[in-house]
Amino acid sequence: MGTDVAKQYLLLNGKPVIDRTIEVFNSHPAVKEIVIVVPSHDVLAESVRLKPLFDKVKGVTSGGKERINSVENGFKELSLQSGIILVHDAVRPFVRHSDIDAVVSELSECDACTVAVPVKDTIKIVEDGKTISSTPDRKKLWHTLTPQGFSRGVLDRLFKYAADNNINGTDECMVAEAMGLKVNVVTGSYNNIKITTKEDLLFADAIVKSGY
């Protein structure tokens, strides 16, 4: 992002991005508890700030070396009663209740599930950063979003498998795929963007002002 403030704390129309994201889950009737994973130096301050704002925030814990380690740290803070667990990027504030519902419902048909959207553009496989080697069939390509959902047992097995096989996937479903599990997608919204660049922040501001 190129800013002094971490992207999840940037203000989006006067409110931190992470707060907008938490609001969606905190207001969903099926969500029972929320654990926030942040950099270790932010744990105390964010715990003090967020817990009074959101009644479902059970804990704030520190991230790990890789994404999978951060998710596992959050997992360890959840109560044993949590049967279905959703993993969501803090910088995707435009997730909808319907996305959460769709993932939870789909888990009755598969081992893991992610929100995704069909890609709009033609994708090229490029070798050495220069030469195109192939063009995948666009009809089979989806852009993966979050939340991603798992049963407690599957997610627990996933962490062990990743550690035993030295897998540091860019998302949890990637590890589930490597395990040979059935991973399904549910169609989400193109507005469910991940805010990672200054251009994303401009687009996010436009989404907020549109009333989405």
N, C-alpha and C. Protein backbone atom coordinates (compact mmCIF):
# COMPACT_ATOMS: atom_id res chain seq x y z
N MET A 1 0.83 -1.21 0.00
CA MET A 1 0.00 0.00 0.00
C MET A 1 0.86 1.26 0.00
N GLY A 2 2.08 1.15 0.56
CA GLY A 2 2.98 2.30 0.58
C GLY A 2 2.59 3.38 1.56
N THR A 3 1.89 3.02 2.62
CA THR A 3 1.48 3.99 3.64
C THR A 3 2.12 3.63 4.98
N ASP A 4 2.18 4.61 5.88
CA ASP A 4 2.73 4.36 7.22
C ASP A 4 1.80 3.49 8.05
N VAL A 5 0.51 3.55 7.76
CA VAL A 5 -0.49 2.77 8.49
C VAL A 5 -0.76 1.47 7.75
N ALA A 6 -0.80 0.35 8.47
CA ALA A 6 -1.10 -0.94 7.86
C ALA A 6 -2.46 -0.88 7.18
N LYS A 7 -2.60 -1.58 6.06
CA LYS A 7 -3.79 -1.43 5.22
C LYS A 7 -5.10 -1.73 5.95
N GLN A 8 -5.08 -2.67 6.92
CA GLN A 8 -6.32 -3.00 7.61
C GLN A 8 -6.81 -1.87 8.53
N TYR A 9 -5.92 -0.95 8.86
CA TYR A 9 -6.29 0.16 9.75
C TYR A 9 -6.56 1.46 8.99
N LEU A 10 -6.37 1.46 7.69
CA LEU A 10 -6.65 2.66 6.91
C LEU A 10 -8.13 3.02 7.01
N LEU A 11 -8.41 4.29 6.99
CA LEU A 11 -9.80 4.74 7.09
C LEU A 11 -10.48 4.67 5.73
N LEU A 12 -11.66 4.09 5.73
CA LEU A 12 -12.49 4.01 4.53
C LEU A 12 -13.78 4.76 4.83
N ASN A 13 -13.89 5.95 4.27
CA ASN A 13 -15.01 6.84 4.56
C ASN A 13 -15.17 7.04 6.07
N GLY A 14 -14.03 7.27 6.74
CA GLY A 14 -14.04 7.61 8.16
C GLY A 14 -13.99 6.45 9.13
N LYS A 15 -13.93 5.21 8.63
CA LYS A 15 -13.94 4.04 9.51
C LYS A 15 -12.85 3.07 9.09
N PRO A 16 -12.10 2.49 10.06
CA PRO A 16 -11.05 1.54 9.69
C PRO A 16 -11.60 0.37 8.87
N VAL A 17 -10.82 -0.04 7.88
CA VAL A 17 -11.24 -1.15 7.02
C VAL A 17 -11.58 -2.38 7.85
N ILE A 18 -10.74 -2.71 8.82
CA ILE A 18 -10.96 -3.91 9.61
C ILE A 18 -12.27 -3.84 10.38
N ASP A 19 -12.65 -2.66 10.84
CA ASP A 19 -13.91 -2.50 11.57
C ASP A 19 -15.10 -2.78 10.66
N ARG A 20 -15.01 -2.31 9.43
CA ARG A 20 -16.10 -2.57 8.48
C ARG A 20 -16.25 -4.07 8.23
N THR A 21 -15.12 -4.76 8.16
CA THR A 21 -15.15 -6.21 7.94
C THR A 21 -15.76 -6.93 9.13
N ILE A 22 -15.32 -6.58 10.31
CA ILE A 22 -15.83 -7.23 11.52
C ILE A 22 -17.33 -7.00 11.67
N GLU A 23 -17.80 -5.82 11.32
CA GLU A 23 -19.22 -5.49 11.45
C GLU A 23 -20.11 -6.50 10.75
N VAL A 24 -19.68 -6.95 9.57
CA VAL A 24 -20.50 -7.89 8.80
C VAL A 24 -20.67 -9.20 9.56
N PHE A 25 -19.58 -9.72 10.09
CA PHE A 25 -19.65 -10.99 10.82
C PHE A 25 -20.32 -10.82 12.18
N ASN A 26 -20.04 -9.72 12.84
CA ASN A 26 -20.62 -9.48 14.16
C ASN A 26 -22.14 -9.36 14.11
N SER A 27 -22.66 -8.88 12.97
CA SER A 27 -24.11 -8.68 12.84
C SER A 27 -24.82 -9.90 12.25
N HIS A 28 -24.06 -10.94 11.88
CA HIS A 28 -24.69 -12.13 11.32
C HIS A 28 -25.20 -13.03 12.45
N PRO A 29 -26.47 -13.41 12.45
CA PRO A 29 -27.02 -14.16 13.57
C PRO A 29 -26.40 -15.54 13.79
N ALA A 30 -25.84 -16.14 12.74
CA ALA A 30 -25.27 -17.48 12.89
C ALA A 30 -23.83 -17.46 13.42
N VAL A 31 -23.19 -16.31 13.37
CA VAL A 31 -21.81 -16.20 13.86
C VAL A 31 -21.83 -16.08 15.38
N LYS A 32 -21.13 -16.98 16.04
CA LYS A 32 -21.16 -17.00 17.51
C LYS A 32 -19.95 -16.35 18.15
N GLU A 33 -18.81 -16.44 17.49
CA GLU A 33 -17.61 -15.83 18.06
C GLU A 33 -16.63 -15.48 16.95
N ILE A 34 -15.82 -14.46 17.22
CA ILE A 34 -14.86 -13.96 16.24
C ILE A 34 -13.51 -13.83 16.92
N VAL A 35 -12.47 -14.29 16.23
CA VAL A 35 -11.09 -14.09 16.68
C VAL A 35 -10.36 -13.29 15.61
N ILE A 36 -9.71 -12.23 16.02
CA ILE A 36 -8.97 -11.36 15.12
C ILE A 36 -7.49 -11.68 15.22
N VAL A 37 -6.82 -11.81 14.08
CA VAL A 37 -5.38 -12.07 14.06
C VAL A 37 -4.68 -10.84 13.50
N VAL A 38 -3.77 -10.28 14.28
CA VAL A 38 -3.07 -9.05 13.90
C VAL A 38 -1.58 -9.22 14.18
N PRO A 39 -0.74 -8.30 13.68
CA PRO A 39 0.68 -8.33 14.04
C PRO A 39 0.86 -8.30 15.55
N SER A 40 1.90 -8.97 16.03
CA SER A 40 2.08 -9.13 17.48
C SER A 40 2.11 -7.81 18.23
N HIS A 41 2.68 -6.77 17.63
CA HIS A 41 2.78 -5.49 18.33
C HIS A 41 1.44 -4.75 18.42
N ASP A 42 0.42 -5.27 17.71
CA ASP A 42 -0.90 -4.63 17.75
C ASP A 42 -1.91 -5.35 18.64
N VAL A 43 -1.53 -6.50 19.17
CA VAL A 43 -2.50 -7.35 19.89
C VAL A 43 -3.16 -6.62 21.05
N LEU A 44 -2.38 -6.04 21.92
CA LEU A 44 -2.94 -5.39 23.11
C LEU A 44 -3.84 -4.22 22.74
N ALA A 45 -3.34 -3.35 21.87
CA ALA A 45 -4.11 -2.16 21.51
C ALA A 45 -5.41 -2.52 20.80
N GLU A 46 -5.35 -3.50 19.90
CA GLU A 46 -6.55 -3.89 19.16
C GLU A 46 -7.54 -4.64 20.05
N SER A 47 -7.03 -5.39 21.00
CA SER A 47 -7.92 -6.07 21.94
C SER A 47 -8.70 -5.06 22.77
N VAL A 48 -8.01 -4.06 23.25
CA VAL A 48 -8.64 -3.00 24.05
C VAL A 48 -9.63 -2.21 23.20
N ARG A 49 -9.30 -1.99 21.94
CA ARG A 49 -10.15 -1.17 21.07
C ARG A 49 -11.37 -1.93 20.55
N LEU A 50 -11.16 -3.19 20.13
CA LEU A 50 -12.21 -3.91 19.42
C LEU A 50 -13.25 -4.59 20.32
N LYS A 51 -12.82 -5.12 21.45
CA LYS A 51 -13.76 -5.87 22.28
C LYS A 51 -14.96 -5.04 22.75
N PRO A 52 -14.79 -3.78 23.11
CA PRO A 52 -15.97 -2.98 23.48
C PRO A 52 -16.88 -2.66 22.29
N LEU A 53 -16.31 -2.68 21.08
CA LEU A 53 -17.08 -2.32 19.90
C LEU A 53 -17.91 -3.47 19.35
N PHE A 54 -17.40 -4.69 19.51
CA PHE A 54 -18.04 -5.87 18.90
C PHE A 54 -18.19 -6.98 19.93
N ASP A 55 -19.43 -7.29 20.25
CA ASP A 55 -19.68 -8.23 21.34
C ASP A 55 -19.27 -9.67 21.01
N LYS A 56 -19.10 -10.00 19.73
CA LYS A 56 -18.73 -11.37 19.36
C LYS A 56 -17.23 -11.58 19.24
N VAL A 57 -16.45 -10.52 19.38
CA VAL A 57 -15.00 -10.66 19.33
C VAL A 57 -14.54 -11.31 20.63
N LYS A 58 -14.15 -12.58 20.52
CA LYS A 58 -13.74 -13.35 21.69
C LYS A 58 -12.28 -13.11 22.04
N GLY A 59 -11.49 -12.86 21.02
CA GLY A 59 -10.07 -12.66 21.29
C GLY A 59 -9.35 -12.00 20.14
N VAL A 60 -8.19 -11.46 20.47
CA VAL A 60 -7.27 -10.89 19.48
C VAL A 60 -5.93 -11.54 19.71
N THR A 61 -5.36 -12.14 18.67
CA THR A 61 -4.11 -12.86 18.83
C THR A 61 -3.13 -12.48 17.73
N SER A 62 -1.90 -12.90 17.90
CA SER A 62 -0.85 -12.50 16.96
C SER A 62 -0.74 -13.46 15.78
N GLY A 63 -0.31 -12.93 14.65
CA GLY A 63 -0.10 -13.74 13.47
C GLY A 63 1.18 -14.54 13.55
N GLY A 64 1.39 -15.42 12.57
CA GLY A 64 2.59 -16.24 12.52
C GLY A 64 3.45 -15.89 11.33
N LYS A 65 4.44 -16.73 11.07
CA LYS A 65 5.39 -16.47 9.98
C LYS A 65 4.70 -16.49 8.62
N GLU A 66 3.83 -17.47 8.40
CA GLU A 66 3.10 -17.60 7.15
C GLU A 66 1.60 -17.48 7.42
N ARG A 67 0.83 -17.32 6.36
CA ARG A 67 -0.62 -17.20 6.50
C ARG A 67 -1.21 -18.39 7.28
N ILE A 68 -0.78 -19.59 6.91
CA ILE A 68 -1.33 -20.80 7.54
C ILE A 68 -1.07 -20.79 9.05
N ASN A 69 0.09 -20.24 9.46
CA ASN A 69 0.42 -20.15 10.89
C ASN A 69 -0.48 -19.14 11.59
N SER A 70 -0.79 -18.05 10.90
CA SER A 70 -1.67 -17.04 11.48
C SER A 70 -3.08 -17.60 11.68
N VAL A 71 -3.56 -18.34 10.68
CA VAL A 71 -4.89 -18.94 10.79
C VAL A 71 -4.92 -19.96 11.93
N GLU A 72 -3.86 -20.72 12.07
CA GLU A 72 -3.81 -21.70 13.16
C GLU A 72 -3.80 -21.02 14.52
N ASN A 73 -3.10 -19.90 14.63
CA ASN A 73 -3.09 -19.15 15.89
C ASN A 73 -4.51 -18.69 16.25
N GLY A 74 -5.24 -18.22 15.25
CA GLY A 74 -6.62 -17.82 15.49
C GLY A 74 -7.49 -19.00 15.87
N PHE A 75 -7.29 -20.11 15.19
CA PHE A 75 -8.04 -21.35 15.45
C PHE A 75 -7.91 -21.77 16.92
N LYS A 76 -6.71 -21.65 17.46
CA LYS A 76 -6.46 -22.08 18.84
C LYS A 76 -7.20 -21.23 19.86
N GLU A 77 -7.62 -20.05 19.47
CA GLU A 77 -8.33 -19.15 20.38
C GLU A 77 -9.84 -19.40 20.40
N LEU A 78 -10.34 -20.18 19.44
CA LEU A 78 -11.77 -20.43 19.35
C LEU A 78 -12.20 -21.47 20.38
N SER A 79 -13.44 -21.39 20.80
CA SER A 79 -13.96 -22.38 21.75
C SER A 79 -14.16 -23.71 21.06
N LEU A 80 -14.18 -24.78 21.83
CA LEU A 80 -14.36 -26.12 21.27
C LEU A 80 -15.75 -26.32 20.69
N GLN A 81 -16.67 -25.42 21.02
CA GLN A 81 -18.04 -25.53 20.52
C GLN A 81 -18.17 -25.07 19.06
N SER A 82 -17.14 -24.45 18.54
CA SER A 82 -17.22 -23.93 17.17
C SER A 82 -17.10 -25.08 16.16
N GLY A 83 -18.24 -25.45 15.57
CA GLY A 83 -18.27 -26.59 14.65
C GLY A 83 -17.86 -26.24 13.24
N ILE A 84 -18.29 -25.07 12.76
CA ILE A 84 -17.91 -24.58 11.43
C ILE A 84 -17.10 -23.30 11.63
N ILE A 85 -15.98 -23.25 10.93
CA ILE A 85 -15.07 -22.11 11.08
C ILE A 85 -14.87 -21.45 9.73
N LEU A 86 -15.01 -20.13 9.70
CA LEU A 86 -14.79 -19.36 8.49
C LEU A 86 -13.51 -18.54 8.64
N VAL A 87 -12.72 -18.53 7.59
CA VAL A 87 -11.48 -17.74 7.56
C VAL A 87 -11.70 -16.61 6.56
N HIS A 88 -11.45 -15.38 7.00
CA HIS A 88 -11.73 -14.24 6.14
C HIS A 88 -10.62 -13.21 6.23
N ASP A 89 -10.30 -12.59 5.10
CA ASP A 89 -9.30 -11.52 5.05
C ASP A 89 -9.85 -10.25 5.68
N ALA A 90 -9.08 -9.65 6.56
CA ALA A 90 -9.52 -8.43 7.24
C ALA A 90 -9.74 -7.28 6.27
N VAL A 91 -9.05 -7.34 5.13
CA VAL A 91 -9.16 -6.23 4.17
C VAL A 91 -10.14 -6.53 3.05
N ARG A 92 -11.12 -7.37 3.33
CA ARG A 92 -12.26 -7.57 2.43
C ARG A 92 -13.53 -7.11 3.15
N PRO A 93 -13.76 -5.82 3.21
CA PRO A 93 -14.89 -5.30 4.00
C PRO A 93 -16.25 -5.43 3.33
N PHE A 94 -16.28 -5.86 2.06
CA PHE A 94 -17.57 -5.90 1.35
C PHE A 94 -18.15 -7.31 1.25
N VAL A 95 -17.69 -8.19 2.12
CA VAL A 95 -18.33 -9.50 2.24
C VAL A 95 -19.78 -9.28 2.69
N ARG A 96 -20.68 -10.17 2.25
CA ARG A 96 -22.10 -10.04 2.56
C ARG A 96 -22.59 -11.18 3.43
N HIS A 97 -23.68 -10.97 4.12
CA HIS A 97 -24.29 -12.06 4.88
C HIS A 97 -24.61 -13.25 3.97
N SER A 98 -25.02 -12.96 2.75
CA SER A 98 -25.36 -14.04 1.83
C SER A 98 -24.14 -14.88 1.46
N ASP A 99 -22.94 -14.29 1.46
CA ASP A 99 -21.71 -15.05 1.21
C ASP A 99 -21.46 -16.03 2.36
N ILE A 100 -21.64 -15.54 3.56
CA ILE A 100 -21.47 -16.40 4.74
C ILE A 100 -22.47 -17.55 4.71
N ASP A 101 -23.72 -17.23 4.42
CA ASP A 101 -24.76 -18.26 4.35
C ASP A 101 -24.44 -19.31 3.30
N ALA A 102 -23.97 -18.85 2.14
CA ALA A 102 -23.69 -19.77 1.03
C ALA A 102 -22.57 -20.75 1.38
N VAL A 103 -21.51 -20.25 2.02
CA VAL A 103 -20.39 -21.11 2.40
C VAL A 103 -20.84 -22.14 3.42
N VAL A 104 -21.54 -21.71 4.44
CA VAL A 104 -22.00 -22.62 5.49
C VAL A 104 -22.91 -23.70 4.91
N SER A 105 -23.82 -23.30 4.03
CA SER A 105 -24.74 -24.25 3.42
C SER A 105 -23.99 -25.27 2.54
N GLU A 106 -23.04 -24.80 1.78
CA GLU A 106 -22.31 -25.67 0.84
C GLU A 106 -21.47 -26.72 1.56
N LEU A 107 -21.08 -26.44 2.80
CA LEU A 107 -20.24 -27.38 3.54
C LEU A 107 -20.92 -28.71 3.82
N SER A 108 -22.22 -28.76 3.62
CA SER A 108 -22.92 -30.05 3.77
C SER A 108 -22.64 -30.96 2.58
N GLU A 109 -22.07 -30.39 1.50
CA GLU A 109 -21.79 -31.14 0.28
C GLU A 109 -20.30 -31.37 0.02
N CYS A 110 -19.44 -30.79 0.87
CA CYS A 110 -18.00 -30.87 0.58
C CYS A 110 -17.21 -30.76 1.88
N ASP A 111 -15.88 -30.89 1.75
CA ASP A 111 -15.00 -30.80 2.92
C ASP A 111 -14.56 -29.37 3.21
N ALA A 112 -14.49 -28.57 2.16
CA ALA A 112 -14.06 -27.17 2.29
C ALA A 112 -14.75 -26.37 1.20
N CYS A 113 -14.90 -25.08 1.46
CA CYS A 113 -15.63 -24.24 0.51
C CYS A 113 -15.07 -22.83 0.53
N THR A 114 -15.06 -22.19 -0.64
CA THR A 114 -14.63 -20.81 -0.73
C THR A 114 -15.57 -20.01 -1.61
N VAL A 115 -15.71 -18.74 -1.28
CA VAL A 115 -16.40 -17.82 -2.16
C VAL A 115 -15.47 -17.52 -3.33
N ALA A 116 -16.01 -17.44 -4.53
CA ALA A 116 -15.21 -17.15 -5.72
C ALA A 116 -16.09 -16.52 -6.79
N VAL A 117 -15.45 -15.95 -7.79
CA VAL A 117 -16.17 -15.40 -8.94
C VAL A 117 -15.45 -15.83 -10.21
N PRO A 118 -16.19 -16.05 -11.31
CA PRO A 118 -15.54 -16.40 -12.57
C PRO A 118 -14.62 -15.26 -13.03
N VAL A 119 -13.47 -15.60 -13.59
CA VAL A 119 -12.57 -14.55 -14.07
C VAL A 119 -13.20 -13.87 -15.28
N LYS A 120 -12.92 -12.59 -15.43
CA LYS A 120 -13.47 -11.81 -16.53
C LYS A 120 -12.52 -11.77 -17.72
N ASP A 121 -11.24 -11.91 -17.44
CA ASP A 121 -10.24 -11.71 -18.48
C ASP A 121 -9.66 -13.03 -18.98
N THR A 122 -9.05 -12.98 -20.14
CA THR A 122 -8.29 -14.11 -20.64
C THR A 122 -6.98 -14.20 -19.86
N ILE A 123 -6.66 -15.39 -19.36
CA ILE A 123 -5.47 -15.59 -18.55
C ILE A 123 -4.40 -16.31 -19.37
N LYS A 124 -3.16 -15.87 -19.24
CA LYS A 124 -2.05 -16.49 -19.94
C LYS A 124 -1.07 -17.12 -18.94
N ILE A 125 -0.53 -18.28 -19.29
CA ILE A 125 0.58 -18.86 -18.55
C ILE A 125 1.86 -18.37 -19.21
N VAL A 126 2.69 -17.69 -18.41
CA VAL A 126 3.90 -17.06 -18.95
C VAL A 126 5.14 -17.68 -18.34
N GLU A 127 6.08 -18.09 -19.17
CA GLU A 127 7.34 -18.66 -18.72
C GLU A 127 8.42 -17.58 -18.64
N ASP A 128 9.19 -17.61 -17.56
CA ASP A 128 10.32 -16.69 -17.40
C ASP A 128 9.89 -15.22 -17.44
N GLY A 129 8.63 -14.97 -17.08
CA GLY A 129 8.15 -13.60 -17.03
C GLY A 129 8.06 -12.91 -18.37
N LYS A 130 8.05 -13.71 -19.45
CA LYS A 130 8.10 -13.08 -20.76
C LYS A 130 7.32 -13.81 -21.84
N THR A 131 7.50 -15.13 -21.95
CA THR A 131 6.97 -15.88 -23.07
C THR A 131 5.70 -16.64 -22.69
N ILE A 132 4.62 -16.44 -23.44
CA ILE A 132 3.37 -17.13 -23.20
C ILE A 132 3.51 -18.59 -23.63
N SER A 133 3.14 -19.50 -22.74
CA SER A 133 3.23 -20.92 -23.07
C SER A 133 1.87 -21.55 -23.31
N SER A 134 0.82 -20.97 -22.70
CA SER A 134 -0.51 -21.53 -22.93
C SER A 134 -1.58 -20.56 -22.46
N THR A 135 -2.82 -20.84 -22.89
CA THR A 135 -3.97 -20.05 -22.48
C THR A 135 -5.03 -20.99 -21.90
N PRO A 136 -5.19 -21.00 -20.57
CA PRO A 136 -6.20 -21.87 -19.97
C PRO A 136 -7.61 -21.51 -20.41
N ASP A 137 -8.49 -22.49 -20.37
CA ASP A 137 -9.89 -22.27 -20.70
C ASP A 137 -10.52 -21.37 -19.64
N ARG A 138 -10.92 -20.17 -20.03
CA ARG A 138 -11.45 -19.19 -19.08
C ARG A 138 -12.68 -19.70 -18.34
N LYS A 139 -13.44 -20.59 -18.97
CA LYS A 139 -14.65 -21.11 -18.34
C LYS A 139 -14.35 -21.91 -17.07
N LYS A 140 -13.10 -22.37 -16.96
CA LYS A 140 -12.72 -23.19 -15.81
C LYS A 140 -11.97 -22.38 -14.74
N LEU A 141 -11.78 -21.10 -14.97
CA LEU A 141 -10.98 -20.28 -14.06
C LEU A 141 -11.88 -19.41 -13.17
N TRP A 142 -11.59 -19.45 -11.90
CA TRP A 142 -12.33 -18.66 -10.92
C TRP A 142 -11.35 -17.86 -10.07
N HIS A 143 -11.76 -16.68 -9.69
CA HIS A 143 -10.98 -15.81 -8.81
C HIS A 143 -11.42 -16.09 -7.37
N THR A 144 -10.51 -16.60 -6.58
CA THR A 144 -10.84 -17.00 -5.21
C THR A 144 -10.91 -15.79 -4.27
N LEU A 145 -11.97 -15.76 -3.46
CA LEU A 145 -12.17 -14.71 -2.47
C LEU A 145 -12.22 -15.36 -1.09
N THR A 146 -12.70 -14.65 -0.12
CA THR A 146 -13.02 -15.23 1.19
C THR A 146 -14.39 -14.67 1.60
N PRO A 147 -15.09 -15.35 2.54
CA PRO A 147 -14.58 -16.37 3.46
C PRO A 147 -14.42 -17.74 2.83
N GLN A 148 -13.54 -18.52 3.49
CA GLN A 148 -13.40 -19.93 3.20
C GLN A 148 -13.84 -20.69 4.44
N GLY A 149 -14.56 -21.79 4.23
CA GLY A 149 -15.16 -22.49 5.36
C GLY A 149 -14.73 -23.94 5.48
N PHE A 150 -14.70 -24.41 6.74
CA PHE A 150 -14.27 -25.77 7.05
C PHE A 150 -14.97 -26.22 8.33
N SER A 151 -15.13 -27.52 8.47
CA SER A 151 -15.53 -28.03 9.77
C SER A 151 -14.31 -27.95 10.69
N ARG A 152 -14.54 -27.96 11.97
CA ARG A 152 -13.43 -27.88 12.92
C ARG A 152 -12.43 -29.02 12.70
N GLY A 153 -12.95 -30.23 12.49
CA GLY A 153 -12.09 -31.39 12.31
C GLY A 153 -11.22 -31.29 11.07
N VAL A 154 -11.80 -30.83 9.96
CA VAL A 154 -11.05 -30.70 8.71
C VAL A 154 -9.94 -29.65 8.87
N LEU A 155 -10.26 -28.52 9.48
CA LEU A 155 -9.27 -27.46 9.63
C LEU A 155 -8.12 -27.92 10.53
N ASP A 156 -8.44 -28.66 11.56
CA ASP A 156 -7.42 -29.19 12.46
C ASP A 156 -6.47 -30.12 11.70
N ARG A 157 -7.03 -31.00 10.88
CA ARG A 157 -6.20 -31.91 10.06
C ARG A 157 -5.38 -31.14 9.04
N LEU A 158 -5.95 -30.08 8.53
CA LEU A 158 -5.28 -29.26 7.52
C LEU A 158 -3.98 -28.66 8.06
N PHE A 159 -4.01 -28.16 9.28
CA PHE A 159 -2.82 -27.57 9.88
C PHE A 159 -1.70 -28.60 10.01
N LYS A 160 -2.05 -29.79 10.46
CA LYS A 160 -1.04 -30.84 10.64
C LYS A 160 -0.47 -31.25 9.28
N TYR A 161 -1.33 -31.38 8.29
CA TYR A 161 -0.87 -31.78 6.96
C TYR A 161 0.08 -30.73 6.38
N ALA A 162 -0.27 -29.47 6.54
CA ALA A 162 0.58 -28.38 6.02
C ALA A 162 1.95 -28.40 6.69
N ALA A 163 1.97 -28.62 8.00
CA ALA A 163 3.23 -28.65 8.73
C ALA A 163 4.07 -29.86 8.33
N ASP A 164 3.43 -31.02 8.22
CA ASP A 164 4.16 -32.25 7.89
C ASP A 164 4.72 -32.22 6.47
N ASN A 165 4.03 -31.50 5.58
CA ASN A 165 4.43 -31.48 4.17
C ASN A 165 5.02 -30.15 3.71
N ASN A 166 5.29 -29.28 4.69
CA ASN A 166 5.92 -27.98 4.42
C ASN A 166 5.17 -27.20 3.34
N ILE A 167 3.85 -27.11 3.51
CA ILE A 167 3.00 -26.38 2.56
C ILE A 167 2.63 -25.03 3.16
N ASN A 168 2.96 -23.98 2.46
CA ASN A 168 2.57 -22.63 2.88
C ASN A 168 1.69 -22.03 1.78
N GLY A 169 0.46 -22.50 1.72
CA GLY A 169 -0.44 -22.06 0.66
C GLY A 169 -0.86 -20.62 0.81
N THR A 170 -1.28 -20.04 -0.31
CA THR A 170 -1.77 -18.66 -0.27
C THR A 170 -3.19 -18.59 0.26
N ASP A 171 -3.85 -19.74 0.36
CA ASP A 171 -5.13 -19.81 1.08
C ASP A 171 -5.28 -21.23 1.63
N GLU A 172 -6.25 -21.40 2.52
CA GLU A 172 -6.41 -22.68 3.20
C GLU A 172 -6.95 -23.76 2.27
N CYS A 173 -7.76 -23.36 1.30
CA CYS A 173 -8.31 -24.34 0.36
C CYS A 173 -7.21 -25.01 -0.46
N MET A 174 -6.13 -24.31 -0.67
CA MET A 174 -4.99 -24.87 -1.40
C MET A 174 -4.43 -26.08 -0.67
N VAL A 175 -4.38 -26.00 0.65
CA VAL A 175 -3.90 -27.13 1.44
C VAL A 175 -4.92 -28.27 1.39
N ALA A 176 -6.20 -27.92 1.47
CA ALA A 176 -7.26 -28.94 1.39
C ALA A 176 -7.20 -29.68 0.06
N GLU A 177 -6.91 -28.94 -1.02
CA GLU A 177 -6.76 -29.57 -2.34
C GLU A 177 -5.61 -30.57 -2.33
N ALA A 178 -4.48 -30.16 -1.73
CA ALA A 178 -3.30 -31.03 -1.67
C ALA A 178 -3.60 -32.30 -0.86
N MET A 179 -4.54 -32.21 0.08
CA MET A 179 -4.92 -33.37 0.89
C MET A 179 -5.86 -34.30 0.14
N GLY A 180 -6.33 -33.87 -1.02
CA GLY A 180 -7.28 -34.68 -1.78
C GLY A 180 -8.71 -34.54 -1.32
N LEU A 181 -9.00 -33.47 -0.57
CA LEU A 181 -10.35 -33.25 -0.07
C LEU A 181 -11.22 -32.62 -1.16
N LYS A 182 -12.52 -32.72 -0.99
CA LYS A 182 -13.45 -32.10 -1.94
C LYS A 182 -13.62 -30.64 -1.56
N VAL A 183 -13.24 -29.76 -2.46
CA VAL A 183 -13.31 -28.32 -2.21
C VAL A 183 -14.24 -27.70 -3.25
N ASN A 184 -15.31 -27.07 -2.79
CA ASN A 184 -16.28 -26.45 -3.69
C ASN A 184 -16.19 -24.93 -3.65
N VAL A 185 -16.77 -24.31 -4.67
CA VAL A 185 -16.89 -22.85 -4.68
C VAL A 185 -18.37 -22.47 -4.64
N VAL A 186 -18.63 -21.30 -4.09
CA VAL A 186 -19.95 -20.67 -4.19
C VAL A 186 -19.71 -19.30 -4.81
N THR A 187 -20.63 -18.87 -5.64
CA THR A 187 -20.45 -17.62 -6.38
C THR A 187 -20.66 -16.41 -5.47
N GLY A 188 -19.66 -15.54 -5.46
CA GLY A 188 -19.75 -14.33 -4.65
C GLY A 188 -19.98 -13.10 -5.50
N SER A 189 -19.47 -11.98 -5.01
CA SER A 189 -19.65 -10.69 -5.69
C SER A 189 -18.28 -10.13 -6.09
N TYR A 190 -18.23 -9.48 -7.25
CA TYR A 190 -17.00 -8.83 -7.69
C TYR A 190 -16.65 -7.64 -6.79
N ASN A 191 -17.60 -7.17 -6.01
CA ASN A 191 -17.33 -6.08 -5.07
C ASN A 191 -16.55 -6.53 -3.84
N ASN A 192 -16.46 -7.84 -3.63
CA ASN A 192 -15.77 -8.37 -2.45
C ASN A 192 -14.26 -8.32 -2.69
N ILE A 193 -13.75 -7.10 -2.86
CA ILE A 193 -12.35 -6.91 -3.21
C ILE A 193 -11.44 -6.99 -1.99
N LYS A 194 -10.18 -7.32 -2.25
CA LYS A 194 -9.15 -7.30 -1.22
C LYS A 194 -8.38 -5.99 -1.38
N ILE A 195 -8.40 -5.16 -0.38
CA ILE A 195 -7.79 -3.84 -0.47
C ILE A 195 -6.29 -3.96 -0.20
N THR A 196 -5.49 -3.94 -1.26
CA THR A 196 -4.05 -4.10 -1.12
C THR A 196 -3.24 -2.99 -1.79
N THR A 197 -3.88 -2.20 -2.65
CA THR A 197 -3.18 -1.10 -3.33
C THR A 197 -3.97 0.20 -3.17
N LYS A 198 -3.34 1.29 -3.51
CA LYS A 198 -4.01 2.59 -3.45
C LYS A 198 -5.20 2.63 -4.40
N GLU A 199 -5.07 1.95 -5.54
CA GLU A 199 -6.18 1.89 -6.49
C GLU A 199 -7.37 1.15 -5.90
N ASP A 200 -7.08 0.09 -5.13
CA ASP A 200 -8.15 -0.65 -4.46
C ASP A 200 -8.90 0.23 -3.48
N LEU A 201 -8.15 1.08 -2.78
CA LEU A 201 -8.78 1.96 -1.79
C LEU A 201 -9.72 2.96 -2.47
N LEU A 202 -9.34 3.44 -3.63
CA LEU A 202 -10.21 4.34 -4.39
C LEU A 202 -11.48 3.63 -4.82
N PHE A 203 -11.33 2.38 -5.28
CA PHE A 203 -12.49 1.59 -5.69
C PHE A 203 -13.38 1.31 -4.49
N ALA A 204 -12.75 0.98 -3.36
CA ALA A 204 -13.51 0.70 -2.14
C ALA A 204 -14.32 1.91 -1.71
N ASP A 205 -13.73 3.09 -1.81
CA ASP A 205 -14.43 4.32 -1.45
C ASP A 205 -15.65 4.52 -2.34
N ALA A 206 -15.49 4.20 -3.62
CA ALA A 206 -16.62 4.32 -4.56
C ALA A 206 -17.73 3.33 -4.20
N ILE A 207 -17.35 2.12 -3.78
CA ILE A 207 -18.34 1.11 -3.39
C ILE A 207 -19.14 1.59 -2.17
N VAL A 208 -18.42 2.13 -1.19
CA VAL A 208 -19.09 2.63 0.02
C VAL A 208 -20.06 3.75 -0.34
N LYS A 209 -19.62 4.67 -1.16
CA LYS A 209 -20.46 5.81 -1.52
C LYS A 209 -21.64 5.42 -2.40
N SER A 210 -21.55 4.27 -3.05
CA SER A 210 -22.66 3.80 -3.88
C SER A 210 -23.78 3.21 -3.03
N GLY A 211 -23.48 2.99 -1.73
CA GLY A 211 -24.49 2.42 -0.85
C GLY A 211 -24.51 0.91 -0.82
N TYR A 212 -23.49 0.27 -1.40
CA TYR A 212 -23.44 -1.19 -1.42
C TYR A 212 -23.35 -1.77 -0.02
